N, C-alpha and C. Protein backbone atom coordinates (compact mmCIF):
# COMPACT_ATOMS: atom_id res chain seq x y z
N MET A 1 120.89 126.20 67.40
CA MET A 1 119.98 125.27 68.11
C MET A 1 120.52 125.02 69.46
N THR A 2 119.75 124.90 70.55
CA THR A 2 120.24 124.72 71.90
C THR A 2 119.56 123.31 72.32
N ARG A 3 120.29 122.39 72.85
CA ARG A 3 119.81 121.14 73.26
C ARG A 3 120.11 120.82 74.70
N GLY A 4 119.18 120.38 75.48
CA GLY A 4 119.39 120.10 76.93
C GLY A 4 118.91 118.65 77.19
N GLU A 5 119.74 117.96 77.94
CA GLU A 5 119.29 116.61 78.45
C GLU A 5 118.93 116.67 79.88
N ILE A 6 117.75 116.15 80.21
CA ILE A 6 117.27 116.15 81.60
C ILE A 6 117.12 114.82 82.16
N LYS A 7 117.67 114.46 83.20
CA LYS A 7 117.41 113.16 83.90
C LYS A 7 116.73 113.61 85.24
N PRO A 8 115.40 113.54 85.19
CA PRO A 8 114.53 114.17 86.25
C PRO A 8 114.56 113.45 87.61
N GLY A 9 114.97 112.18 87.53
CA GLY A 9 114.99 111.44 88.87
C GLY A 9 114.30 110.07 88.88
N VAL A 10 113.59 109.87 89.94
CA VAL A 10 112.95 108.62 90.19
C VAL A 10 111.92 108.22 89.14
N CYS A 11 111.25 109.13 88.46
CA CYS A 11 110.36 108.77 87.55
C CYS A 11 110.87 108.12 86.43
N GLY A 12 112.16 108.29 86.11
CA GLY A 12 112.86 107.61 84.95
C GLY A 12 112.57 108.23 83.54
N PHE A 13 111.72 109.31 83.44
CA PHE A 13 111.41 109.90 82.20
C PHE A 13 112.51 110.83 81.68
N ASP A 14 113.67 110.25 81.35
CA ASP A 14 114.74 111.16 80.75
C ASP A 14 114.14 111.83 79.61
N THR A 15 114.51 113.09 79.43
CA THR A 15 113.90 114.05 78.42
C THR A 15 114.99 114.89 77.73
N VAL A 16 114.77 115.06 76.52
CA VAL A 16 115.61 115.92 75.71
C VAL A 16 114.73 117.21 75.24
N VAL A 17 115.26 118.41 75.51
CA VAL A 17 114.72 119.55 75.06
C VAL A 17 115.50 120.24 73.97
N THR A 18 114.85 120.58 72.97
CA THR A 18 115.61 121.27 71.86
C THR A 18 114.85 122.66 71.66
N ALA A 19 115.68 123.76 71.57
CA ALA A 19 115.16 125.05 71.28
C ALA A 19 115.89 125.64 70.06
N SER A 20 115.00 126.32 69.25
CA SER A 20 115.48 126.96 68.04
C SER A 20 114.88 128.30 67.88
N SER A 21 115.56 129.28 67.26
CA SER A 21 115.11 130.62 67.08
C SER A 21 115.67 131.18 65.94
N GLN A 22 114.92 132.01 65.08
CA GLN A 22 115.54 132.76 64.01
C GLN A 22 115.68 134.18 64.36
N ASP A 23 115.08 134.70 65.42
CA ASP A 23 115.19 136.14 65.72
C ASP A 23 115.67 136.58 67.11
N LEU A 24 116.25 135.50 67.87
CA LEU A 24 116.73 135.67 69.23
C LEU A 24 115.67 136.13 70.14
N ARG A 25 114.44 135.84 69.86
CA ARG A 25 113.49 136.13 70.88
C ARG A 25 112.33 135.04 70.85
N HIS A 26 111.75 134.84 69.72
CA HIS A 26 110.70 133.83 69.60
C HIS A 26 111.37 132.49 69.35
N VAL A 27 111.01 131.46 70.33
CA VAL A 27 111.63 130.26 70.32
C VAL A 27 110.72 129.04 70.11
N ARG A 28 111.16 128.15 69.25
CA ARG A 28 110.36 126.92 69.13
C ARG A 28 110.97 125.91 69.95
N LEU A 29 110.19 125.12 70.73
CA LEU A 29 110.65 124.10 71.61
C LEU A 29 110.17 122.75 71.17
N ALA A 30 111.04 121.80 71.17
CA ALA A 30 110.70 120.43 70.85
C ALA A 30 111.18 119.59 72.06
N VAL A 31 110.25 118.66 72.53
CA VAL A 31 110.61 117.84 73.67
C VAL A 31 110.38 116.37 73.40
N ASP A 32 111.46 115.68 73.70
CA ASP A 32 111.39 114.19 73.51
C ASP A 32 111.42 113.57 74.90
N SER A 33 110.27 112.90 75.10
CA SER A 33 110.08 112.31 76.59
C SER A 33 109.05 111.20 76.51
N GLN A 34 108.96 110.39 77.46
CA GLN A 34 108.07 109.34 77.60
C GLN A 34 106.89 109.79 78.66
N CYS A 35 107.21 110.96 79.29
CA CYS A 35 106.23 111.28 80.21
C CYS A 35 104.97 111.78 79.58
N PRO A 36 103.79 111.20 79.90
CA PRO A 36 102.47 111.51 79.28
C PRO A 36 102.06 113.03 79.70
N ALA A 37 102.24 113.24 80.96
CA ALA A 37 101.95 114.71 81.55
C ALA A 37 102.81 115.71 80.64
N LEU A 38 104.04 115.48 80.68
CA LEU A 38 104.97 116.39 79.88
C LEU A 38 104.55 116.55 78.42
N LEU A 39 104.34 115.44 77.75
CA LEU A 39 103.85 115.52 76.44
C LEU A 39 102.60 116.30 76.28
N HIS A 40 101.70 116.17 77.21
CA HIS A 40 100.40 116.89 77.17
C HIS A 40 100.81 118.46 77.27
N LEU A 41 101.53 118.77 78.23
CA LEU A 41 101.95 120.15 78.37
C LEU A 41 102.54 120.79 77.08
N VAL A 42 103.40 119.93 76.57
CA VAL A 42 104.11 120.44 75.25
C VAL A 42 103.04 120.62 74.10
N ALA A 43 102.12 119.72 74.11
CA ALA A 43 101.02 119.87 73.09
C ALA A 43 100.29 121.08 73.23
N LEU A 44 100.16 121.68 74.38
CA LEU A 44 99.50 122.92 74.66
C LEU A 44 100.27 124.19 74.45
N LEU A 45 101.47 124.02 74.24
CA LEU A 45 102.41 125.12 74.02
C LEU A 45 102.18 125.83 72.55
N PRO A 46 102.24 127.19 72.52
CA PRO A 46 102.06 127.78 71.25
C PRO A 46 103.27 127.26 70.40
N GLU A 47 103.16 127.42 69.13
CA GLU A 47 104.10 127.19 68.22
C GLU A 47 105.54 127.74 68.54
N GLN A 48 105.48 128.92 68.94
CA GLN A 48 106.67 129.71 69.34
C GLN A 48 106.45 130.41 70.77
N ILE A 49 107.34 130.42 71.57
CA ILE A 49 107.18 131.21 72.87
C ILE A 49 108.07 132.30 72.82
N ASP A 50 107.74 133.37 73.53
CA ASP A 50 108.50 134.59 73.72
C ASP A 50 109.51 134.37 74.88
N ALA A 51 110.78 134.20 74.61
CA ALA A 51 111.72 133.90 75.60
C ALA A 51 111.87 134.96 76.64
N TYR A 52 111.64 136.19 76.19
CA TYR A 52 111.68 137.27 77.28
C TYR A 52 110.52 137.22 78.23
N ALA A 53 109.33 136.82 77.77
CA ALA A 53 108.20 136.72 78.68
C ALA A 53 108.34 135.62 79.69
N GLU A 54 109.06 134.54 79.19
CA GLU A 54 109.20 133.31 80.15
C GLU A 54 110.15 133.66 81.32
N LEU A 55 110.88 134.70 81.13
CA LEU A 55 111.79 135.04 82.38
C LEU A 55 111.18 135.64 83.46
N GLU A 56 110.02 136.22 83.30
CA GLU A 56 109.27 136.81 84.39
C GLU A 56 108.17 135.95 84.89
N PRO A 57 108.31 135.31 86.11
CA PRO A 57 107.43 134.22 86.46
C PRO A 57 105.92 134.70 86.70
N ASP A 58 105.73 136.03 86.95
CA ASP A 58 104.45 136.47 87.01
C ASP A 58 103.80 137.14 85.90
N ASN A 59 104.52 137.02 84.76
CA ASN A 59 104.09 137.63 83.47
C ASN A 59 103.11 136.70 82.85
N PRO A 60 101.80 137.18 82.54
CA PRO A 60 100.80 136.34 81.90
C PRO A 60 101.09 135.89 80.60
N ARG A 61 102.15 136.39 79.91
CA ARG A 61 102.49 136.05 78.65
C ARG A 61 103.52 134.73 78.68
N GLY A 62 104.04 134.55 79.80
CA GLY A 62 104.98 133.53 80.02
C GLY A 62 104.03 132.22 80.24
N VAL A 63 104.25 131.26 79.39
CA VAL A 63 103.33 130.06 79.38
C VAL A 63 103.86 128.78 79.97
N ILE A 64 105.25 128.62 80.07
CA ILE A 64 105.76 127.28 80.34
C ILE A 64 105.37 127.06 81.90
N LEU A 65 105.70 127.92 82.87
CA LEU A 65 105.42 127.72 84.22
C LEU A 65 103.84 127.63 84.46
N ARG A 66 103.14 128.29 83.78
CA ARG A 66 101.62 128.30 83.97
C ARG A 66 101.12 126.91 83.56
N LEU A 67 101.50 126.48 82.37
CA LEU A 67 101.10 125.03 81.86
C LEU A 67 101.66 123.99 82.80
N ALA A 68 103.00 124.20 83.18
CA ALA A 68 103.45 123.17 84.21
C ALA A 68 102.65 123.09 85.37
N THR A 69 102.18 124.14 85.94
CA THR A 69 101.37 124.15 87.25
C THR A 69 100.00 123.44 86.95
N GLU A 70 99.54 123.70 85.85
CA GLU A 70 98.21 123.16 85.47
C GLU A 70 98.20 121.71 84.97
N ASN A 71 99.29 121.29 84.62
CA ASN A 71 99.27 119.88 83.87
C ASN A 71 100.28 118.85 84.29
N LEU A 72 101.27 119.18 85.03
CA LEU A 72 102.20 118.19 85.57
C LEU A 72 101.81 117.53 86.86
N TYR A 73 102.18 116.24 87.00
CA TYR A 73 101.80 115.59 88.26
C TYR A 73 102.72 115.99 89.40
N CYS A 74 103.90 116.41 89.08
CA CYS A 74 104.95 116.54 90.13
C CYS A 74 105.47 117.97 90.07
N ALA A 75 105.22 118.74 91.11
CA ALA A 75 105.75 120.17 91.13
C ALA A 75 107.14 120.28 91.10
N GLY A 76 107.90 119.14 91.50
CA GLY A 76 109.32 119.18 91.57
C GLY A 76 109.98 118.79 90.22
N CYS A 77 109.15 118.64 89.10
CA CYS A 77 109.74 118.28 87.77
C CYS A 77 110.75 119.30 87.34
N PRO A 78 111.91 119.07 86.95
CA PRO A 78 112.91 120.02 86.48
C PRO A 78 112.85 120.30 84.95
N VAL A 79 112.01 119.58 84.33
CA VAL A 79 111.85 119.78 82.85
C VAL A 79 111.38 121.11 82.44
N PRO A 80 110.32 121.70 83.08
CA PRO A 80 109.88 123.07 82.73
C PRO A 80 111.02 124.07 82.84
N SER A 81 111.82 123.99 83.97
CA SER A 81 112.92 124.89 84.14
C SER A 81 113.97 124.73 82.98
N ALA A 82 114.20 123.55 82.68
CA ALA A 82 115.13 123.24 81.55
C ALA A 82 114.64 123.81 80.27
N MET A 83 113.31 123.75 80.02
CA MET A 83 112.74 124.31 78.83
C MET A 83 112.96 125.85 78.82
N ILE A 84 112.84 126.48 79.92
CA ILE A 84 113.01 127.90 80.03
C ILE A 84 114.43 128.19 79.87
N LYS A 85 115.42 127.41 80.46
CA LYS A 85 116.77 127.71 80.32
C LYS A 85 117.24 127.51 78.89
N ALA A 86 116.75 126.47 78.22
CA ALA A 86 117.06 126.25 76.78
C ALA A 86 116.58 127.48 75.94
N ALA A 87 115.43 127.96 76.20
CA ALA A 87 114.87 129.20 75.52
C ALA A 87 115.77 130.41 75.80
N GLU A 88 116.21 130.59 77.10
CA GLU A 88 117.16 131.69 77.42
C GLU A 88 118.41 131.62 76.51
N VAL A 89 118.95 130.42 76.49
CA VAL A 89 120.23 130.28 75.82
C VAL A 89 119.97 130.56 74.21
N GLU A 90 119.00 129.94 73.70
CA GLU A 90 118.68 130.19 72.28
C GLU A 90 118.44 131.67 71.93
N ALA A 91 117.85 132.39 72.83
CA ALA A 91 117.54 133.80 72.65
C ALA A 91 118.84 134.64 72.88
N GLY A 92 119.88 134.10 73.34
CA GLY A 92 121.10 134.89 73.70
C GLY A 92 121.09 135.58 75.03
N LEU A 93 120.13 135.11 75.95
CA LEU A 93 119.95 135.71 77.20
C LEU A 93 120.75 135.08 78.28
N ALA A 94 121.43 133.92 77.96
CA ALA A 94 122.11 133.18 78.88
C ALA A 94 123.23 132.33 78.19
N GLU A 95 124.20 132.01 78.92
CA GLU A 95 125.28 131.10 78.36
C GLU A 95 124.91 129.70 78.54
N PRO A 96 125.32 128.84 77.54
CA PRO A 96 124.99 127.37 77.67
C PRO A 96 125.82 126.68 78.77
N VAL A 97 125.41 126.88 80.03
CA VAL A 97 126.16 126.38 81.17
C VAL A 97 125.28 125.27 81.82
N ASP A 98 125.81 124.25 82.15
CA ASP A 98 125.09 123.14 82.82
C ASP A 98 124.52 123.75 84.12
N VAL A 99 123.28 123.10 84.39
CA VAL A 99 122.64 123.37 85.62
C VAL A 99 122.51 122.05 86.32
N THR A 100 122.82 121.92 87.58
CA THR A 100 122.89 120.66 88.33
C THR A 100 122.11 120.73 89.52
N ILE A 101 121.32 119.63 89.77
CA ILE A 101 120.64 119.52 91.11
C ILE A 101 121.12 118.19 91.65
N ARG A 102 121.82 118.22 92.76
CA ARG A 102 122.33 116.93 93.34
C ARG A 102 121.77 116.76 94.80
N LEU A 103 121.02 115.69 94.93
CA LEU A 103 120.35 115.45 96.19
C LEU A 103 121.04 114.31 96.93
N GLU A 104 121.19 114.61 98.28
CA GLU A 104 121.71 113.66 99.24
C GLU A 104 120.88 113.70 100.45
N GLN A 105 120.77 112.45 101.05
CA GLN A 105 120.04 112.44 102.29
C GLN A 105 121.00 112.04 103.45
N ASP A 106 121.12 112.76 104.48
CA ASP A 106 121.88 112.50 105.58
C ASP A 106 120.91 111.63 106.59
N THR A 107 121.26 110.27 106.71
CA THR A 107 120.47 109.38 107.57
C THR A 107 120.83 109.47 108.93
N GLY A 108 121.94 110.26 109.25
CA GLY A 108 122.35 110.44 110.63
C GLY A 108 123.06 109.19 111.23
N ALA A 109 123.33 108.17 110.44
CA ALA A 109 123.90 106.95 110.94
C ALA A 109 125.41 107.06 111.06
């Protein structure tokens, strides 16, 4: 099982993504979040996703990015990317290495 904790920022909807697979390709995702748009997206996911298909952004079999585009309020939400990363790790396609986005603003003062 692969688990990821996401702190997406100003919205405050901290999220936990859990991925599990029995065949290193087809992955079940569970998402614990208070974001209503994200929960709606998750409800639309198939029972299992094909981790290989998710790695190709223009692949019509990849569903996470398509559903995110259609259902999330914020295009900058990092949770869909975290879902894909968790699926990659669970399928043995990536190492479980932290991904970080750190934002700073230079006010010029």
